[in-house]
Amino acid sequence: MPKIQPRNDDTMLPIDHRTAQRYAMKVPVEVLLDNGAQLRVLTRDISATGVFVSVASSIRLGSYLRFLITFPREITTSSKLLALCDGLVVRRELDDTLEGLAIRIERYHFLRSVD
């Protein structure tokens, strides 16, 4: 449940905790699970500090995930960069078939530039 803040007209608005500009784009992500399995998913949106992805399997809120992603030029302001990231699942959205996960990037290591 998002936190809310009062407005002058006594209505409430959700507080937005984003710290970086968000881009609505589909970027491939490879989630590396503890059991050695890999999930290949696409982002719904991406920023320098996190990603939102949809997955078919259940991943718990508060889980730490390791994933590979190629950050596009819009994020890096230079070339596309492949990165290995560690992230924390900070929000889940459930629907009939998929689970949406907001993952805050805690650490990343750029592996190489991608053309």
Protein backbone atom coordinates (compact mmCIF):
# COMPACT_ATOMS: atom_id res chain seq x y z
CA MET A 1 0.00 0.00 0.00
CA PRO A 2 1.59 3.33 -1.04
CA LYS A 3 2.03 6.06 1.49
CA ILE A 4 -0.22 9.06 0.99
CA GLN A 5 0.10 12.76 1.60
CA PRO A 6 -2.63 15.37 2.13
CA ARG A 7 -3.38 18.03 -0.46
CA ASN A 8 -4.81 21.48 0.20
CA ASP A 9 -8.31 20.34 -0.85
CA ASP A 10 -8.37 17.50 1.75
CA THR A 11 -7.84 14.76 -0.86
CA MET A 12 -4.92 12.39 -0.64
CA LEU A 13 -2.17 11.68 -3.19
CA PRO A 14 0.30 8.77 -3.26
CA ILE A 15 3.87 9.74 -2.41
CA ASP A 16 6.23 9.01 -5.29
CA HIS A 17 9.53 7.58 -4.01
CA ARG A 18 11.33 7.59 -7.36
CA THR A 19 14.73 9.27 -7.33
CA ALA A 20 15.55 9.06 -11.06
CA GLN A 21 13.73 9.74 -14.32
CA ARG A 22 11.69 6.75 -15.47
CA TYR A 23 11.53 5.62 -19.11
CA ALA A 24 8.66 3.49 -20.42
CA MET A 25 10.55 0.96 -22.52
CA LYS A 26 10.86 -2.75 -22.99
CA VAL A 27 14.39 -3.89 -22.25
CA PRO A 28 15.35 -7.59 -21.87
CA VAL A 29 16.32 -8.70 -18.36
CA GLU A 30 17.73 -12.06 -17.33
CA VAL A 31 16.92 -12.77 -13.67
CA LEU A 32 19.35 -15.25 -12.09
CA LEU A 33 17.59 -17.28 -9.40
CA ASP A 34 19.30 -18.93 -6.40
CA ASN A 35 18.45 -22.43 -7.68
CA GLY A 36 20.40 -21.77 -10.89
CA ALA A 37 17.31 -21.14 -13.01
CA GLN A 38 17.05 -18.06 -15.20
CA LEU A 39 13.97 -16.00 -16.02
CA ARG A 40 13.96 -13.96 -19.20
CA VAL A 41 11.59 -11.02 -18.88
CA LEU A 42 11.05 -7.52 -20.28
CA THR A 43 10.91 -4.27 -18.40
CA ARG A 44 7.76 -2.15 -18.42
CA ASP A 45 9.83 0.82 -17.38
CA ILE A 46 13.41 1.48 -16.36
CA SER A 47 15.47 4.15 -14.61
CA ALA A 48 19.03 4.49 -13.37
CA THR A 49 17.91 3.26 -9.94
CA GLY A 50 15.40 0.51 -10.72
CA VAL A 51 13.27 -1.53 -13.09
CA PHE A 52 9.70 -2.78 -13.26
CA VAL A 53 9.24 -6.25 -14.78
CA SER A 54 6.43 -8.78 -15.15
CA VAL A 55 7.11 -12.41 -14.26
CA ALA A 56 5.06 -15.61 -14.40
CA SER A 57 6.50 -17.00 -11.15
CA SER A 58 5.92 -15.82 -7.61
CA ILE A 59 8.74 -13.76 -6.11
CA ARG A 60 8.27 -12.40 -2.62
CA LEU A 61 8.34 -8.76 -1.59
CA GLY A 62 11.72 -8.06 0.02
CA SER A 63 13.53 -10.67 -2.08
CA TYR A 64 17.00 -9.88 -3.35
CA LEU A 65 17.50 -10.64 -7.03
CA ARG A 66 20.53 -10.70 -9.28
CA PHE A 67 19.92 -9.84 -12.92
CA LEU A 68 21.62 -8.94 -16.18
CA ILE A 69 20.34 -5.94 -18.12
CA THR A 70 21.57 -3.82 -20.98
CA PHE A 71 21.01 -0.20 -20.05
CA PRO A 72 20.02 1.81 -23.14
CA ARG A 73 21.65 5.08 -24.22
CA GLU A 74 18.75 7.05 -22.73
CA ILE A 75 19.87 5.90 -19.27
CA THR A 76 23.66 5.94 -19.66
CA THR A 77 23.82 9.10 -21.87
CA SER A 78 26.63 7.40 -23.83
CA SER A 79 26.65 3.83 -25.16
CA LYS A 80 24.50 0.83 -24.26
CA LEU A 81 26.03 -0.98 -21.27
CA LEU A 82 25.55 -4.56 -20.06
CA ALA A 83 25.35 -4.62 -16.26
CA LEU A 84 25.10 -7.26 -13.56
CA CYS A 85 22.75 -5.87 -10.89
CA ASP A 86 21.67 -6.80 -7.39
CA GLY A 87 18.23 -5.49 -6.54
CA LEU A 88 15.54 -5.53 -3.89
CA VAL A 89 11.88 -6.21 -4.71
CA VAL A 90 10.17 -3.16 -3.21
CA ARG A 91 6.66 -3.53 -4.70
CA ARG A 92 4.48 -6.27 -6.20
CA GLU A 93 1.44 -5.87 -8.43
CA LEU A 94 -0.64 -8.97 -9.03
CA ASP A 95 -3.02 -9.64 -11.91
CA ASP A 96 -4.61 -12.78 -13.35
CA THR A 97 -1.56 -14.23 -15.10
CA LEU A 98 1.55 -12.21 -14.25
CA GLU A 99 3.16 -10.59 -11.26
CA GLY A 100 4.66 -7.12 -11.63
CA LEU A 101 7.81 -6.41 -9.63
CA ALA A 102 9.39 -3.06 -8.87
CA ILE A 103 13.06 -3.78 -8.23
CA ARG A 104 15.30 -1.12 -6.69
CA ILE A 105 18.89 -1.51 -7.88
CA GLU A 106 21.16 -1.78 -4.83
CA ARG A 107 24.45 -2.53 -6.64
CA TYR A 108 25.59 -2.85 -10.22
CA HIS A 109 28.72 -3.70 -12.12
CA PHE A 110 29.07 -2.68 -15.75
CA LEU A 111 30.44 -5.65 -17.71
CA ARG A 112 30.90 -4.19 -21.18
CA SER A 113 29.67 -1.79 -23.79
CA VAL A 114 27.13 -3.21 -26.25
CA ASP A 115 26.70 -2.06 -29.86
